[in-house]
Amino acid sequence: MELLVTNYGSFLGKKSERLVLKENGKVVSEIPFHDLEQVIIDTPGASLSTDMIRECVEHGVQISFLTPSGKPFAKLVSPYLTGTVITRREQLMAFFDERGVSLAKLFIEGKLKNQVNVLKYFSKYRKGVDKGLYEILHGIICQIEQISGQLKEVKGKCIDDARGQLMSIEGRAGNLYWQGIKMLTGDKISFPGREHRDSADPVNSLLNYGYGMLYRQVEGALILAGLDPFGGFLHVDRPGKLSLVYDFVEEFRQQVVDRVVIAMVNKGFAIDMEEGMLSNNTKRDLSDRIRERLESQEKFQGRKYKLRTIIQSQARRVATFLRGEAKYRPFVGGW
């Protein structure tokens, strides 16, 4: 399970084999460390005891810290999780050969196919209710599929040769996708379109907070697979930029976060905002729904697995691909 801490003044400590959460000096929760996967600190006023931190590290429990908008700014993990060097050496060398191009293409392929399937998932409910909207969405889906077909034409000896073409394909498909999402939510809420930073509207605030949750999940999976979360391919290098996280997350955004947010909007869920940010209650509700989605099952490679398990499995497959031990196929959710 994950523990989300949102209240100012919270204290996290250790009692025997349990993590203890106190608020205003009173114990509100006690959780065995072996039942925890991650602790998420979403308040500027929490304090943590060193023995609690050590116990989390020894149990493989990651501790993540968030900004008020939900963006991760720090993570505590054991340094021994990245103790294997061979995978990271191959990861860094792949930046200079065709492996980086292949992996970036596969990430985008997964992203575009999942965009298509999310649009199919929500548009199928409009077919008998609003045929005009259904036909417009079907046209958008066809255009994205056509753009996706251009990926096979992208060539390059290293990622620098191909990045411009790949970003163009991704950008054109993304513009169409968000047009479709705007149409799907337009009768419920005002959605100006996708805005990535400092967005104060409810839909973008939900998306940004949800993506922050997914970044934490993905970063943890990459670290456990022995990969460097900063060594990406499609996203350029920059100090402090989790480039591989942003690469790898592309094939999961739509199925994990977008589906949850669109469903919340279409069901008329109350999105409470406080000073341009989601309220704590809304954050908790969104977090619960995304965690529930991560626990739901999707068919992958002939069997059904939890989405959380698929993310970890795909991270390991990235590592084996980079080591030349296996092929990589992107995850594509159903509709």
Protein backbone atom coordinates (compact mmCIF):
# COMPACT_ATOMS: atom_id res chain seq x y z
CA MET A 1 0.00 0.00 0.00
CA GLU A 2 0.92 3.67 -0.25
CA LEU A 3 0.65 6.20 2.56
CA LEU A 4 -0.28 9.75 1.50
CA VAL A 5 0.52 12.46 4.06
CA THR A 6 -1.19 15.81 3.37
CA ASN A 7 -1.81 17.52 6.72
CA TYR A 8 0.52 20.22 8.00
CA GLY A 9 2.37 19.26 11.18
CA SER A 10 2.22 15.50 10.56
CA PHE A 11 4.91 13.38 12.19
CA LEU A 12 6.13 9.99 10.93
CA GLY A 13 8.02 7.73 13.27
CA LYS A 14 8.73 4.09 14.08
CA LYS A 15 7.21 1.88 16.75
CA SER A 16 8.45 -1.69 16.77
CA GLU A 17 7.90 -2.96 13.18
CA ARG A 18 5.29 -0.34 12.31
CA LEU A 19 5.31 3.12 10.82
CA VAL A 20 3.37 5.52 13.04
CA LEU A 21 1.64 8.64 11.66
CA LYS A 22 0.72 11.33 14.17
CA GLU A 23 -1.33 14.48 13.63
CA ASN A 24 -1.57 17.10 16.38
CA GLY A 25 0.24 14.71 18.70
CA LYS A 26 -2.32 11.91 18.24
CA VAL A 27 -1.71 8.61 16.47
CA VAL A 28 -3.94 8.40 13.38
CA SER A 29 -2.37 5.41 11.66
CA GLU A 30 -0.01 2.49 12.31
CA ILE A 31 1.14 0.43 9.32
CA PRO A 32 3.55 -2.54 9.27
CA PHE A 33 6.60 -1.66 7.19
CA HIS A 34 6.31 -4.91 5.24
CA ASP A 35 2.86 -3.80 4.01
CA LEU A 36 4.15 -0.48 2.63
CA GLU A 37 5.40 0.21 -0.88
CA GLN A 38 5.73 3.98 -0.76
CA VAL A 39 5.26 6.98 1.54
CA ILE A 40 4.20 10.21 -0.17
CA ILE A 41 4.70 13.52 1.63
CA ASP A 42 2.40 16.17 0.14
CA THR A 43 2.74 18.93 2.74
CA PRO A 44 5.53 21.39 3.58
CA GLY A 45 5.09 20.84 7.30
CA ALA A 46 5.77 17.13 7.93
CA SER A 47 8.65 15.75 10.01
CA LEU A 48 10.23 12.30 9.82
CA SER A 49 12.34 10.43 12.38
CA THR A 50 15.67 8.96 11.26
CA ASP A 51 14.80 5.49 12.57
CA MET A 52 11.62 5.56 10.47
CA ILE A 53 13.68 6.53 7.39
CA ARG A 54 16.17 3.72 8.02
CA GLU A 55 13.40 1.16 8.46
CA CYS A 56 11.79 2.28 5.16
CA VAL A 57 15.11 1.96 3.34
CA GLU A 58 15.71 -1.53 4.75
CA HIS A 59 12.22 -2.63 3.67
CA GLY A 60 12.55 -1.10 0.20
CA VAL A 61 9.88 1.53 0.95
CA GLN A 62 10.44 4.67 -1.11
CA ILE A 63 9.70 8.09 0.41
CA SER A 64 8.62 10.77 -2.07
CA PHE A 65 8.22 14.50 -1.48
CA LEU A 66 5.86 16.65 -3.57
CA THR A 67 5.38 20.32 -4.37
CA PRO A 68 1.85 21.74 -3.81
CA SER A 69 1.04 21.05 -7.48
CA GLY A 70 1.97 17.39 -7.10
CA LYS A 71 5.38 17.47 -8.78
CA PRO A 72 8.00 15.24 -7.10
CA PHE A 73 11.05 17.17 -5.91
CA ALA A 74 12.87 14.53 -3.86
CA LYS A 75 12.90 10.79 -3.20
CA LEU A 76 14.61 8.72 -0.51
CA VAL A 77 15.72 5.23 -1.60
CA SER A 78 18.45 2.81 -0.70
CA PRO A 79 21.69 3.51 -2.64
CA TYR A 80 22.10 -0.25 -3.11
CA LEU A 81 19.11 -0.44 -5.46
CA THR A 82 21.40 0.92 -8.19
CA GLY A 83 24.34 -1.24 -7.20
CA THR A 84 24.48 -3.12 -10.53
CA VAL A 85 26.57 -1.26 -13.11
CA ILE A 86 26.25 -3.27 -16.35
CA THR A 87 22.70 -2.10 -17.13
CA ARG A 88 23.53 1.57 -16.62
CA ARG A 89 26.67 1.31 -18.75
CA GLU A 90 24.62 -0.11 -21.62
CA GLN A 91 21.93 2.52 -21.07
CA LEU A 92 24.43 5.36 -21.43
CA MET A 93 26.13 3.82 -24.47
CA ALA A 94 22.75 3.31 -26.17
CA PHE A 95 22.42 7.09 -26.44
CA PHE A 96 25.08 6.94 -29.15
CA ASP A 97 23.72 4.04 -31.21
CA GLU A 98 20.51 2.74 -32.78
CA ARG A 99 19.20 1.23 -29.54
CA GLY A 100 18.27 4.71 -28.34
CA VAL A 101 16.38 5.41 -31.58
CA SER A 102 14.52 2.08 -31.39
CA LEU A 103 13.51 2.57 -27.77
CA ALA A 104 12.29 6.13 -28.33
CA LYS A 105 10.21 4.99 -31.32
CA LEU A 106 8.65 2.20 -29.26
CA PHE A 107 7.77 4.57 -26.40
CA ILE A 108 6.00 6.90 -28.85
CA GLU A 109 4.31 3.99 -30.60
CA GLY A 110 2.87 2.91 -27.26
CA LYS A 111 1.79 6.45 -26.46
CA LEU A 112 -0.07 6.97 -29.75
CA LYS A 113 -1.78 3.58 -29.62
CA ASN A 114 -2.94 4.26 -26.07
CA GLN A 115 -4.21 7.70 -27.11
CA VAL A 116 -6.26 6.00 -29.80
CA ASN A 117 -7.60 3.38 -27.39
CA VAL A 118 -8.58 5.94 -24.74
CA LEU A 119 -10.51 7.90 -27.37
CA LYS A 120 -12.14 4.66 -28.53
CA TYR A 121 -13.00 3.75 -24.94
CA PHE A 122 -14.89 6.97 -24.26
CA SER A 123 -16.34 7.50 -27.74
CA LYS A 124 -18.03 4.09 -27.79
CA TYR A 125 -20.45 5.39 -25.16
CA ARG A 126 -21.34 8.34 -27.42
CA LYS A 127 -22.13 6.29 -30.52
CA GLY A 128 -25.82 5.91 -29.76
CA VAL A 129 -26.23 9.22 -27.90
CA ASP A 130 -24.36 11.75 -30.06
CA LYS A 131 -23.61 10.30 -33.47
CA GLY A 132 -22.12 13.56 -34.74
CA LEU A 133 -19.56 13.68 -31.94
CA TYR A 134 -18.81 9.99 -32.41
CA GLU A 135 -18.01 10.52 -36.09
CA ILE A 136 -15.74 13.50 -35.33
CA LEU A 137 -13.86 11.43 -32.75
CA HIS A 138 -13.60 8.55 -35.20
CA GLY A 139 -12.00 10.96 -37.68
CA ILE A 140 -9.48 12.10 -35.05
CA ILE A 141 -8.67 8.47 -34.25
CA CYS A 142 -7.99 7.74 -37.92
CA GLN A 143 -5.69 10.75 -38.19
CA ILE A 144 -3.67 9.68 -35.13
CA GLU A 145 -3.35 6.16 -36.54
CA GLN A 146 -2.13 7.61 -39.83
CA ILE A 147 0.47 9.73 -38.05
CA SER A 148 1.55 6.71 -35.98
CA GLY A 149 2.29 4.85 -39.21
CA GLN A 150 5.01 7.40 -39.97
CA LEU A 151 7.16 6.07 -37.11
CA LYS A 152 8.48 3.23 -39.24
CA GLU A 153 9.99 5.78 -41.64
CA VAL A 154 12.14 7.39 -38.93
CA LYS A 155 15.79 6.38 -39.21
CA GLY A 156 18.98 7.43 -37.48
CA LYS A 157 22.31 6.11 -36.25
CA CYS A 158 21.71 7.75 -32.88
CA ILE A 159 18.85 9.52 -31.14
CA ASP A 160 20.15 12.98 -32.06
CA ASP A 161 19.55 12.08 -35.74
CA ALA A 162 15.92 11.13 -35.13
CA ARG A 163 14.68 13.27 -32.23
CA GLY A 164 13.27 16.08 -34.38
CA GLN A 165 11.20 13.70 -36.51
CA LEU A 166 9.95 11.83 -33.47
CA MET A 167 8.95 14.99 -31.61
CA SER A 168 7.07 16.19 -34.69
CA ILE A 169 5.08 12.96 -34.88
CA GLU A 170 4.37 13.02 -31.16
CA GLY A 171 3.33 16.68 -31.22
CA ARG A 172 0.94 16.38 -34.16
CA ALA A 173 -0.74 13.33 -32.66
CA GLY A 174 -0.92 15.00 -29.25
CA ASN A 175 -2.71 18.07 -30.63
CA LEU A 176 -5.37 15.82 -32.16
CA TYR A 177 -5.70 13.73 -29.01
CA TRP A 178 -6.33 16.73 -26.76
CA GLN A 179 -8.84 18.10 -29.24
CA GLY A 180 -10.71 14.82 -28.80
CA ILE A 181 -10.49 15.00 -25.00
CA LYS A 182 -11.82 18.55 -25.08
CA MET A 183 -14.82 17.34 -27.07
CA LEU A 184 -15.42 14.47 -24.66
CA THR A 185 -15.47 16.76 -21.61
CA GLY A 186 -16.85 19.97 -23.15
CA ASP A 187 -20.44 19.47 -21.98
CA LYS A 188 -19.30 18.98 -18.36
CA ILE A 189 -16.49 21.45 -17.75
CA SER A 190 -14.44 24.18 -19.43
CA PHE A 191 -11.16 22.66 -20.59
CA PRO A 192 -8.81 25.09 -22.41
CA GLY A 193 -6.66 22.30 -23.79
CA ARG A 194 -3.53 20.71 -22.43
CA GLU A 195 -1.33 23.08 -20.45
CA HIS A 196 1.68 21.56 -18.74
CA ARG A 197 2.90 24.08 -16.17
CA ASP A 198 1.28 26.42 -13.67
CA SER A 199 -2.20 25.52 -14.89
CA ALA A 200 -4.98 26.76 -12.63
CA ASP A 201 -7.97 25.18 -14.41
CA PRO A 202 -9.45 22.03 -12.80
CA VAL A 203 -8.80 19.52 -15.61
CA ASN A 204 -5.14 20.42 -16.12
CA SER A 205 -4.66 20.51 -12.35
CA LEU A 206 -6.02 16.97 -12.11
CA LEU A 207 -3.84 15.79 -14.99
CA ASN A 208 -0.68 17.39 -13.59
CA TYR A 209 -1.23 15.95 -10.12
CA GLY A 210 -2.04 12.54 -11.58
CA TYR A 211 1.07 12.58 -13.76
CA GLY A 212 3.10 13.46 -10.68
CA MET A 213 1.81 10.27 -9.05
CA LEU A 214 2.68 8.28 -12.15
CA TYR A 215 6.19 9.78 -12.31
CA ARG A 216 6.84 8.46 -8.80
CA GLN A 217 5.64 5.00 -9.78
CA VAL A 218 7.71 4.97 -12.95
CA GLU A 219 10.86 6.34 -11.32
CA GLY A 220 10.70 3.68 -8.63
CA ALA A 221 10.23 0.94 -11.25
CA LEU A 222 13.22 2.17 -13.28
CA ILE A 223 15.46 2.32 -10.20
CA LEU A 224 14.45 -1.21 -9.19
CA ALA A 225 15.31 -2.37 -12.74
CA GLY A 226 18.84 -0.97 -12.31
CA LEU A 227 18.34 1.95 -14.69
CA ASP A 228 19.36 5.60 -14.34
CA PRO A 229 16.12 7.67 -14.35
CA PHE A 230 18.07 10.68 -15.67
CA GLY A 231 19.52 8.94 -18.74
CA GLY A 232 16.76 9.30 -21.34
CA PHE A 233 16.67 9.33 -25.12
CA LEU A 234 13.69 11.24 -26.50
CA HIS A 235 13.82 13.93 -23.79
CA VAL A 236 17.07 15.86 -23.89
CA ASP A 237 19.59 15.86 -21.06
CA ARG A 238 19.36 18.65 -18.53
CA PRO A 239 20.66 18.83 -14.94
CA GLY A 240 18.00 17.45 -12.61
CA LYS A 241 15.70 16.33 -15.43
CA LEU A 242 14.38 12.76 -15.12
CA SER A 243 14.62 12.19 -18.85
CA LEU A 244 14.15 8.41 -18.85
CA VAL A 245 11.15 8.77 -16.53
CA TYR A 246 9.57 11.19 -19.02
CA ASP A 247 10.41 8.84 -21.92
CA PHE A 248 9.10 5.68 -20.29
CA VAL A 249 5.98 7.24 -18.78
CA GLU A 250 4.61 8.09 -22.23
CA GLU A 251 3.09 4.66 -22.80
CA PHE A 252 1.25 4.77 -19.45
CA ARG A 253 -0.13 8.32 -19.13
CA GLN A 254 -3.33 7.69 -21.06
CA GLN A 255 -4.34 4.39 -19.49
CA VAL A 256 -3.42 5.26 -15.89
CA VAL A 257 -4.19 8.99 -15.51
CA ASP A 258 -6.18 10.30 -18.48
CA ARG A 259 -8.86 7.61 -18.18
CA VAL A 260 -9.33 8.40 -14.49
CA VAL A 261 -9.52 12.18 -14.98
CA ILE A 262 -11.91 12.00 -17.95
CA ALA A 263 -14.17 9.62 -16.04
CA MET A 264 -14.20 11.95 -13.02
CA VAL A 265 -15.18 14.92 -15.19
CA ASN A 266 -17.86 13.04 -17.15
CA LYS A 267 -19.41 11.70 -13.93
CA GLY A 268 -19.71 15.23 -12.57
CA PHE A 269 -17.19 14.78 -9.77
CA ALA A 270 -16.74 17.98 -7.74
CA ILE A 271 -13.24 19.35 -8.32
CA ASP A 272 -12.47 21.72 -5.45
CA MET A 273 -9.78 24.35 -6.01
CA GLU A 274 -8.04 26.45 -3.34
CA GLU A 275 -5.87 29.38 -4.45
CA GLY A 276 -5.39 27.94 -7.93
CA MET A 277 -4.55 24.43 -6.70
CA LEU A 278 -6.50 21.26 -5.98
CA SER A 279 -7.85 21.02 -2.44
CA ASN A 280 -6.48 18.31 -0.17
CA ASN A 281 -9.77 16.42 -0.36
CA THR A 282 -9.68 16.43 -4.16
CA LYS A 283 -6.04 15.31 -4.15
CA ARG A 284 -6.90 12.41 -1.87
CA ASP A 285 -9.87 11.40 -4.01
CA LEU A 286 -7.81 11.55 -7.19
CA SER A 287 -4.97 9.62 -5.52
CA ASP A 288 -7.38 6.91 -4.40
CA ARG A 289 -8.81 6.55 -7.91
CA ILE A 290 -5.38 6.37 -9.55
CA ARG A 291 -4.19 3.80 -7.02
CA GLU A 292 -7.34 1.82 -7.75
CA ARG A 293 -6.56 2.06 -11.47
CA LEU A 294 -3.00 0.85 -10.86
CA GLU A 295 -4.45 -2.18 -9.06
CA SER A 296 -6.84 -2.95 -11.94
CA GLN A 297 -5.88 -5.59 -14.49
CA GLU A 298 -5.06 -5.22 -18.17
CA LYS A 299 -4.29 -7.91 -20.71
CA PHE A 300 -0.62 -7.92 -21.64
CA GLN A 301 1.30 -10.55 -23.57
CA GLY A 302 -1.54 -13.03 -23.40
CA ARG A 303 -2.28 -12.75 -19.68
CA LYS A 304 -3.91 -10.32 -17.27
CA TYR A 305 -1.73 -8.35 -14.85
CA LYS A 306 -2.19 -5.38 -12.55
CA LEU A 307 -1.12 -2.13 -14.21
CA ARG A 308 1.35 -1.60 -11.37
CA THR A 309 2.94 -4.96 -12.20
CA ILE A 310 3.05 -4.16 -15.92
CA ILE A 311 4.96 -0.92 -15.24
CA GLN A 312 7.60 -2.79 -13.22
CA SER A 313 7.78 -5.58 -15.80
CA GLN A 314 8.20 -3.08 -18.64
CA ALA A 315 11.01 -1.32 -16.76
CA ARG A 316 12.85 -4.63 -16.50
CA ARG A 317 12.25 -5.22 -20.21
CA VAL A 318 13.84 -1.85 -21.00
CA ALA A 319 16.90 -3.03 -19.09
CA THR A 320 17.06 -6.39 -20.89
CA PHE A 321 16.61 -4.66 -24.26
CA LEU A 322 19.50 -2.30 -23.55
CA ARG A 323 21.68 -5.27 -22.55
CA GLY A 324 20.81 -6.97 -25.83
CA GLU A 325 19.02 -9.87 -24.15
CA ALA A 326 15.47 -9.40 -25.44
CA LYS A 327 13.20 -7.30 -27.64
CA TYR A 328 10.98 -4.55 -26.25
CA ARG A 329 7.28 -4.12 -27.01
CA PRO A 330 5.28 -1.18 -25.66
CA PHE A 331 2.30 -1.69 -23.40
CA VAL A 332 -1.03 -0.94 -25.07
CA GLY A 333 -4.16 -1.01 -22.89
CA GLY A 334 -7.55 -2.17 -24.05
CA TRP A 335 -10.66 -0.16 -24.79
